[in-house]
């Protein structure tokens, strides 16, 4: 994890009324505003396991979620 900046601000993706510790997904945006700027993703149960992508790919993923492209993964999940 040496290449992960230590001063990231992690944003937790959890329901607004969540009171437990998850596990939840957390996202942090690295320095920069262009499409190549890093985006870091981790799970609260394994915070040392960080996946890195970039803003361009993250934006494409978010648009896909908003368009329902991944809804089939959530079928039957409570």
PDB file of N, CA and C in Angstrom:
ATOM      1  N   UNK A   1       0.814  -1.190   0.000  1.00  0.00           N
ATOM      2  CA  UNK A   1       0.000   0.000   0.000  1.00  0.00           C
ATOM      3  C   UNK A   1       0.859   1.255   0.000  1.00  0.00           C
ATOM      4  N   UNK A   2       2.097   1.133  -0.321  1.00  0.00           N
ATOM      5  CA  UNK A   2       3.000   2.276  -0.282  1.00  0.00           C
ATOM      6  C   UNK A   2       2.619   3.373  -1.261  1.00  0.00           C
ATOM      7  N   UNK A   3       1.947   3.021  -2.369  1.00  0.00           N
ATOM      8  CA  UNK A   3       1.607   4.029  -3.364  1.00  0.00           C
ATOM      9  C   UNK A   3       0.244   4.678  -3.120  1.00  0.00           C
ATOM     10  N   UNK A   4      -0.431   4.323  -2.034  1.00  0.00           N
ATOM     11  CA  UNK A   4      -1.714   4.924  -1.682  1.00  0.00           C
ATOM     12  C   UNK A   4      -1.434   6.126  -0.777  1.00  0.00           C
ATOM     13  N   UNK A   5      -1.870   7.315  -1.180  1.00  0.00           N
ATOM     14  CA  UNK A   5      -1.628   8.502  -0.338  1.00  0.00           C
ATOM     15  C   UNK A   5      -2.240   8.335   1.055  1.00  0.00           C
ATOM     16  N   UNK A   6      -1.520   8.715   2.083  1.00  0.00           N
ATOM     17  CA  UNK A   6      -2.023   8.527   3.449  1.00  0.00           C
ATOM     18  C   UNK A   6      -3.104   9.520   3.856  1.00  0.00           C
ATOM     19  N   UNK A   7      -3.271  10.606   3.131  1.00  0.00           N
ATOM     20  CA  UNK A   7      -4.194  11.670   3.553  1.00  0.00           C
ATOM     21  C   UNK A   7      -5.502  11.675   2.762  1.00  0.00           C
ATOM     22  N   UNK A   8      -5.925  10.532   2.258  1.00  0.00           N
ATOM     23  CA  UNK A   8      -7.165  10.474   1.484  1.00  0.00           C
ATOM     24  C   UNK A   8      -8.382  10.668   2.378  1.00  0.00           C
ATOM     25  N   UNK A   9      -9.426  11.235   1.816  1.00  0.00           N
ATOM     26  CA  UNK A   9     -10.701  11.353   2.506  1.00  0.00           C
ATOM     27  C   UNK A   9     -11.617  10.275   1.941  1.00  0.00           C
ATOM     28  N   UNK A  10     -11.903   9.273   2.747  1.00  0.00           N
ATOM     29  CA  UNK A  10     -12.707   8.136   2.300  1.00  0.00           C
ATOM     30  C   UNK A  10     -14.184   8.440   2.511  1.00  0.00           C
ATOM     31  N   UNK A  11     -14.977   8.167   1.480  1.00  0.00           N
ATOM     32  CA  UNK A  11     -16.429   8.356   1.546  1.00  0.00           C
ATOM     33  C   UNK A  11     -17.089   6.987   1.533  1.00  0.00           C
ATOM     34  N   UNK A  12     -17.864   6.726   2.549  1.00  0.00           N
ATOM     35  CA  UNK A  12     -18.492   5.420   2.704  1.00  0.00           C
ATOM     36  C   UNK A  12     -19.808   5.351   1.940  1.00  0.00           C
ATOM     37  N   UNK A  13     -19.977   4.277   1.190  1.00  0.00           N
ATOM     38  CA  UNK A  13     -21.223   4.023   0.466  1.00  0.00           C
ATOM     39  C   UNK A  13     -22.078   3.107   1.329  1.00  0.00           C
ATOM     40  N   UNK A  14     -22.893   3.715   2.172  1.00  0.00           N
ATOM     41  CA  UNK A  14     -23.767   2.983   3.080  1.00  0.00           C
ATOM     42  C   UNK A  14     -25.110   3.689   3.124  1.00  0.00           C
ATOM     43  N   UNK A  15     -26.165   2.947   3.444  1.00  0.00           N
ATOM     44  CA  UNK A  15     -27.470   3.596   3.581  1.00  0.00           C
ATOM     45  C   UNK A  15     -27.406   4.685   4.652  1.00  0.00           C
ATOM     46  N   UNK A  16     -28.166   5.767   4.467  1.00  0.00           N
ATOM     47  CA  UNK A  16     -28.122   6.877   5.428  1.00  0.00           C
ATOM     48  C   UNK A  16     -28.441   6.460   6.862  1.00  0.00           C
ATOM     49  N   UNK A  17     -29.262   5.425   7.033  1.00  0.00           N
ATOM     50  CA  UNK A  17     -29.653   4.998   8.375  1.00  0.00           C
ATOM     51  C   UNK A  17     -28.775   3.866   8.915  1.00  0.00           C
ATOM     52  N   UNK A  18     -27.687   3.541   8.240  1.00  0.00           N
ATOM     53  CA  UNK A  18     -26.810   2.449   8.674  1.00  0.00           C
ATOM     54  C   UNK A  18     -26.123   2.802   9.993  1.00  0.00           C
ATOM     55  N   UNK A  19     -26.199   1.895  10.940  1.00  0.00           N
ATOM     56  CA  UNK A  19     -25.552   2.112  12.229  1.00  0.00           C
ATOM     57  C   UNK A  19     -24.459   1.076  12.496  1.00  0.00           C
ATOM     58  N   UNK A  20     -24.421   0.025  11.696  1.00  0.00           N
ATOM     59  CA  UNK A  20     -23.402  -0.999  11.912  1.00  0.00           C
ATOM     60  C   UNK A  20     -22.147  -0.698  11.093  1.00  0.00           C
ATOM     61  N   UNK A  21     -21.180  -1.579  11.169  1.00  0.00           N
ATOM     62  CA  UNK A  21     -19.889  -1.360  10.521  1.00  0.00           C
ATOM     63  C   UNK A  21     -19.803  -2.003   9.139  1.00  0.00           C
ATOM     64  N   UNK A  22     -20.915  -2.474   8.627  1.00  0.00           N
ATOM     65  CA  UNK A  22     -20.903  -3.020   7.260  1.00  0.00           C
ATOM     66  C   UNK A  22     -20.597  -4.487   7.228  1.00  0.00           C
ATOM     67  N   UNK A  23     -19.856  -4.903   6.248  1.00  0.00           N
ATOM     68  CA  UNK A  23     -18.863  -4.171   5.484  1.00  0.00           C
ATOM     69  C   UNK A  23     -19.485  -3.256   4.433  1.00  0.00           C
ATOM     70  N   UNK A  24     -18.846  -2.131   4.240  1.00  0.00           N
ATOM     71  CA  UNK A  24     -19.269  -1.143   3.255  1.00  0.00           C
ATOM     72  C   UNK A  24     -18.115  -0.865   2.294  1.00  0.00           C
ATOM     73  N   UNK A  25     -18.466  -0.344   1.141  1.00  0.00           N
ATOM     74  CA  UNK A  25     -17.469   0.086   0.171  1.00  0.00           C
ATOM     75  C   UNK A  25     -17.132   1.546   0.471  1.00  0.00           C
ATOM     76  N   UNK A  26     -15.852   1.890   0.383  1.00  0.00           N
ATOM     77  CA  UNK A  26     -15.416   3.269   0.563  1.00  0.00           C
ATOM     78  C   UNK A  26     -14.653   3.713  -0.680  1.00  0.00           C
ATOM     79  N   UNK A  27     -14.856   4.974  -1.056  1.00  0.00           N
ATOM     80  CA  UNK A  27     -14.240   5.561  -2.243  1.00  0.00           C
ATOM     81  C   UNK A  27     -13.447   6.799  -1.808  1.00  0.00           C
ATOM     82  N   UNK A  28     -12.276   6.987  -2.407  1.00  0.00           N
ATOM     83  CA  UNK A  28     -11.491   8.203  -2.184  1.00  0.00           C
ATOM     84  C   UNK A  28     -10.937   8.667  -3.527  1.00  0.00           C
ATOM     85  N   UNK A  29     -10.969   9.966  -3.738  1.00  0.00           N
ATOM     86  CA  UNK A  29     -10.467  10.539  -4.982  1.00  0.00           C
ATOM     87  C   UNK A  29      -9.089  11.136  -4.732  1.00  0.00           C
ATOM     88  N   UNK A  30      -8.130  10.739  -5.579  1.00  0.00           N
ATOM     89  CA  UNK A  30      -6.774  11.255  -5.478  1.00  0.00           C
ATOM     90  C   UNK A  30      -6.671  12.635  -6.097  1.00  0.00           C
ATOM     91  N   UNK A  31      -5.470  13.167  -6.072  1.00  0.00           N
ATOM     92  CA  UNK A  31      -5.229  14.508  -6.609  1.00  0.00           C
ATOM     93  C   UNK A  31      -5.417  14.529  -8.118  1.00  0.00           C
ATOM     94  N   UNK A  32      -5.893  15.672  -8.603  1.00  0.00           N
ATOM     95  CA  UNK A  32      -6.098  15.862 -10.032  1.00  0.00           C
ATOM     96  C   UNK A  32      -7.560  15.880 -10.392  1.00  0.00           C
ATOM     97  N   UNK A  33      -7.853  16.481 -11.507  1.00  0.00           N
ATOM     98  CA  UNK A  33      -9.235  16.612 -11.960  1.00  0.00           C
ATOM     99  C   UNK A  33      -9.458  15.966 -13.332  1.00  0.00           C
ATOM    100  N   UNK A  34      -8.379  15.548 -13.986  1.00  0.00           N
ATOM    101  CA  UNK A  34      -8.538  14.985 -15.325  1.00  0.00           C
ATOM    102  C   UNK A  34      -8.973  13.525 -15.243  1.00  0.00           C
ATOM    103  N   UNK A  35      -9.236  12.929 -16.385  1.00  0.00           N
ATOM    104  CA  UNK A  35      -9.727  11.559 -16.450  1.00  0.00           C
ATOM    105  C   UNK A  35      -8.752  10.524 -15.948  1.00  0.00           C
ATOM    106  N   UNK A  36      -7.465  10.869 -15.892  1.00  0.00           N
ATOM    107  CA  UNK A  36      -6.456   9.937 -15.409  1.00  0.00           C
ATOM    108  C   UNK A  36      -6.200  10.049 -13.911  1.00  0.00           C
ATOM    109  N   UNK A  37      -6.848  11.003 -13.242  1.00  0.00           N
ATOM    110  CA  UNK A  37      -6.663  11.165 -11.797  1.00  0.00           C
ATOM    111  C   UNK A  37      -7.151   9.899 -11.089  1.00  0.00           C
ATOM    112  N   UNK A  38      -6.453   9.474 -10.046  1.00  0.00           N
ATOM    113  CA  UNK A  38      -6.785   8.198  -9.409  1.00  0.00           C
ATOM    114  C   UNK A  38      -8.045   8.231  -8.552  1.00  0.00           C
ATOM    115  N   UNK A  39      -8.701   7.075  -8.525  1.00  0.00           N
ATOM    116  CA  UNK A  39      -9.832   6.810  -7.640  1.00  0.00           C
ATOM    117  C   UNK A  39      -9.482   5.532  -6.895  1.00  0.00           C
ATOM    118  N   UNK A  40      -9.638   5.547  -5.579  1.00  0.00           N
ATOM    119  CA  UNK A  40      -9.290   4.415  -4.735  1.00  0.00           C
ATOM    120  C   UNK A  40     -10.565   3.807  -4.159  1.00  0.00           C
ATOM    121  N   UNK A  41     -10.630   2.488  -4.132  1.00  0.00           N
ATOM    122  CA  UNK A  41     -11.812   1.771  -3.663  1.00  0.00           C
ATOM    123  C   UNK A  41     -11.355   0.705  -2.674  1.00  0.00           C
ATOM    124  N   UNK A  42     -12.070   0.604  -1.550  1.00  0.00           N
ATOM    125  CA  UNK A  42     -11.758  -0.433  -0.565  1.00  0.00           C
ATOM    126  C   UNK A  42     -13.024  -0.862   0.144  1.00  0.00           C
ATOM    127  N   UNK A  43     -12.927  -1.943   0.869  1.00  0.00           N
ATOM    128  CA  UNK A  43     -14.031  -2.442   1.682  1.00  0.00           C
ATOM    129  C   UNK A  43     -13.656  -2.248   3.147  1.00  0.00           C
ATOM    130  N   UNK A  44     -14.634  -1.868   3.964  1.00  0.00           N
ATOM    131  CA  UNK A  44     -14.331  -1.561   5.362  1.00  0.00           C
ATOM    132  C   UNK A  44     -13.782  -2.765   6.121  1.00  0.00           C
ATOM    133  N   UNK A  45     -14.124  -3.976   5.705  1.00  0.00           N
ATOM    134  CA  UNK A  45     -13.632  -5.157   6.417  1.00  0.00           C
ATOM    135  C   UNK A  45     -12.187  -5.504   6.046  1.00  0.00           C
ATOM    136  N   UNK A  46     -11.658  -4.904   4.980  1.00  0.00           N
ATOM    137  CA  UNK A  46     -10.273  -5.149   4.556  1.00  0.00           C
ATOM    138  C   UNK A  46      -9.673  -3.848   4.029  1.00  0.00           C
ATOM    139  N   UNK A  47      -9.494  -2.843   4.897  1.00  0.00           N
ATOM    140  CA  UNK A  47      -9.078  -1.511   4.433  1.00  0.00           C
ATOM    141  C   UNK A  47      -7.689  -1.449   3.805  1.00  0.00           C
ATOM    142  N   UNK A  48      -6.863  -2.463   4.024  1.00  0.00           N
ATOM    143  CA  UNK A  48      -5.539  -2.465   3.412  1.00  0.00           C
ATOM    144  C   UNK A  48      -5.559  -2.980   1.978  1.00  0.00           C
ATOM    145  N   UNK A  49      -6.667  -3.546   1.559  1.00  0.00           N
ATOM    146  CA  UNK A  49      -6.817  -4.060   0.200  1.00  0.00           C
ATOM    147  C   UNK A  49      -7.509  -2.983  -0.636  1.00  0.00           C
ATOM    148  N   UNK A  50      -6.721  -2.196  -1.339  1.00  0.00           N
ATOM    149  CA  UNK A  50      -7.227  -1.043  -2.085  1.00  0.00           C
ATOM    150  C   UNK A  50      -7.094  -1.291  -3.578  1.00  0.00           C
ATOM    151  N   UNK A  51      -8.164  -1.037  -4.304  1.00  0.00           N
ATOM    152  CA  UNK A  51      -8.170  -1.126  -5.758  1.00  0.00           C
ATOM    153  C   UNK A  51      -8.069   0.297  -6.294  1.00  0.00           C
ATOM    154  N   UNK A  52      -7.266   0.483  -7.305  1.00  0.00           N
ATOM    155  CA  UNK A  52      -7.097   1.810  -7.899  1.00  0.00           C
ATOM    156  C   UNK A  52      -7.586   1.795  -9.336  1.00  0.00           C
ATOM    157  N   UNK A  53      -8.355   2.805  -9.688  1.00  0.00           N
ATOM    158  CA  UNK A  53      -8.793   3.010 -11.062  1.00  0.00           C
ATOM    159  C   UNK A  53      -8.596   4.498 -11.363  1.00  0.00           C
ATOM    160  N   UNK A  54      -9.229   4.996 -12.411  1.00  0.00           N
ATOM    161  CA  UNK A  54      -9.116   6.433 -12.682  1.00  0.00           C
ATOM    162  C   UNK A  54     -10.511   7.038 -12.808  1.00  0.00           C
ATOM    163  N   UNK A  55     -10.562   8.357 -12.862  1.00  0.00           N
ATOM    164  CA  UNK A  55     -11.863   9.047 -12.873  1.00  0.00           C
ATOM    165  C   UNK A  55     -12.674   8.736 -14.119  1.00  0.00           C
ATOM    166  N   UNK A  56     -12.016   8.543 -15.246  1.00  0.00           N
ATOM    167  CA  UNK A  56     -12.735   8.215 -16.468  1.00  0.00           C
ATOM    168  C   UNK A  56     -13.471   6.876 -16.307  1.00  0.00           C
ATOM    169  N   UNK A  57     -12.777   5.857 -15.834  1.00  0.00           N
ATOM    170  CA  UNK A  57     -13.390   4.541 -15.652  1.00  0.00           C
ATOM    171  C   UNK A  57     -14.440   4.570 -14.542  1.00  0.00           C
ATOM    172  N   UNK A  58     -14.160   5.312 -13.467  1.00  0.00           N
ATOM    173  CA  UNK A  58     -15.130   5.430 -12.374  1.00  0.00           C
ATOM    174  C   UNK A  58     -16.412   6.095 -12.884  1.00  0.00           C
ATOM    175  N   UNK A  59     -16.261   7.149 -13.675  1.00  0.00           N
ATOM    176  CA  UNK A  59     -17.436   7.822 -14.233  1.00  0.00           C
ATOM    177  C   UNK A  59     -18.254   6.906 -15.127  1.00  0.00           C
ATOM    178  N   UNK A  60     -17.589   6.078 -15.929  1.00  0.00           N
ATOM    179  CA  UNK A  60     -18.298   5.126 -16.786  1.00  0.00           C
ATOM    180  C   UNK A  60     -19.050   4.105 -15.938  1.00  0.00           C
ATOM    181  N   UNK A  61     -18.437   3.650 -14.850  1.00  0.00           N
ATOM    182  CA  UNK A  61     -19.099   2.714 -13.949  1.00  0.00           C
ATOM    183  C   UNK A  61     -20.340   3.345 -13.312  1.00  0.00           C
ATOM    184  N   UNK A  62     -20.209   4.566 -12.821  1.00  0.00           N
ATOM    185  CA  UNK A  62     -21.341   5.252 -12.193  1.00  0.00           C
ATOM    186  C   UNK A  62     -22.484   5.425 -13.188  1.00  0.00           C
ATOM    187  N   UNK A  63     -22.182   5.817 -14.417  1.00  0.00           N
ATOM    188  CA  UNK A  63     -23.227   5.938 -15.437  1.00  0.00           C
ATOM    189  C   UNK A  63     -23.901   4.600 -15.694  1.00  0.00           C
ATOM    190  N   UNK A  64     -23.141   3.529 -15.700  1.00  0.00           N
ATOM    191  CA  UNK A  64     -23.711   2.197 -15.888  1.00  0.00           C
ATOM    192  C   UNK A  64     -24.634   1.807 -14.752  1.00  0.00           C
ATOM    193  N   UNK A  65     -24.247   2.125 -13.523  1.00  0.00           N
ATOM    194  CA  UNK A  65     -25.110   1.852 -12.369  1.00  0.00           C
ATOM    195  C   UNK A  65     -26.404   2.644 -12.498  1.00  0.00           C
ATOM    196  N   UNK A  66     -26.287   3.930 -12.827  1.00  0.00           N
ATOM    197  CA  UNK A  66     -27.472   4.774 -12.968  1.00  0.00           C
ATOM    198  C   UNK A  66     -28.389   4.281 -14.078  1.00  0.00           C
ATOM    199  N   UNK A  67     -27.829   3.686 -15.113  1.00  0.00           N
ATOM    200  CA  UNK A  67     -28.618   3.183 -16.247  1.00  0.00           C
ATOM    201  C   UNK A  67     -29.188   1.792 -15.983  1.00  0.00           C
ATOM    202  N   UNK A  68     -28.858   1.196 -14.840  1.00  0.00           N
ATOM    203  CA  UNK A  68     -29.389  -0.117 -14.510  1.00  0.00           C
ATOM    204  C   UNK A  68     -28.629  -1.283 -15.129  1.00  0.00           C
ATOM    205  N   UNK A  69     -27.448  -1.040 -15.665  1.00  0.00           N
ATOM    206  CA  UNK A  69     -26.689  -2.086 -16.342  1.00  0.00           C
ATOM    207  C   UNK A  69     -26.221  -3.205 -15.411  1.00  0.00           C
ATOM    208  N   UNK A  70     -26.231  -2.965 -14.107  1.00  0.00           N
ATOM    209  CA  UNK A  70     -25.743  -3.970 -13.165  1.00  0.00           C
ATOM    210  C   UNK A  70     -26.853  -4.497 -12.257  1.00  0.00           C
ATOM    211  N   UNK A  71     -28.094  -4.153 -12.550  1.00  0.00           N
ATOM    212  CA  UNK A  71     -29.207  -4.558 -11.700  1.00  0.00           C
ATOM    213  C   UNK A  71     -29.306  -6.074 -11.543  1.00  0.00           C
ATOM    214  N   UNK A  72     -28.927  -6.819 -12.571  1.00  0.00           N
ATOM    215  CA  UNK A  72     -29.030  -8.275 -12.504  1.00  0.00           C
ATOM    216  C   UNK A  72     -28.115  -8.847 -11.414  1.00  0.00           C
ATOM    217  N   UNK A  73     -27.074  -8.138 -11.014  1.00  0.00           N
ATOM    218  CA  UNK A  73     -26.220  -8.604  -9.937  1.00  0.00           C
ATOM    219  C   UNK A  73     -26.918  -8.504  -8.582  1.00  0.00           C
ATOM    220  N   UNK A  74     -27.899  -7.642  -8.482  1.00  0.00           N
ATOM    221  CA  UNK A  74     -28.572  -7.406  -7.203  1.00  0.00           C
ATOM    222  C   UNK A  74     -29.870  -8.200  -7.061  1.00  0.00           C
ATOM    223  N   UNK A  75     -30.256  -8.955  -8.078  1.00  0.00           N
ATOM    224  CA  UNK A  75     -31.484  -9.745  -7.989  1.00  0.00           C
ATOM    225  C   UNK A  75     -31.393 -10.724  -6.836  1.00  0.00           C
ATOM    226  N   UNK A  76     -32.394 -10.698  -5.970  1.00  0.00           N
ATOM    227  CA  UNK A  76     -32.442 -11.604  -4.839  1.00  0.00           C
ATOM    228  C   UNK A  76     -31.618 -11.173  -3.640  1.00  0.00           C
ATOM    229  N   UNK A  77     -30.896 -10.061  -3.749  1.00  0.00           N
ATOM    230  CA  UNK A  77     -30.115  -9.571  -2.617  1.00  0.00           C
ATOM    231  C   UNK A  77     -31.008  -8.732  -1.730  1.00  0.00           C
ATOM    232  N   UNK A  78     -30.950  -8.989  -0.440  1.00  0.00           N
ATOM    233  CA  UNK A  78     -31.793  -8.268   0.508  1.00  0.00           C
ATOM    234  C   UNK A  78     -31.018  -7.149   1.153  1.00  0.00           C
TER     235      UNK A  78
END
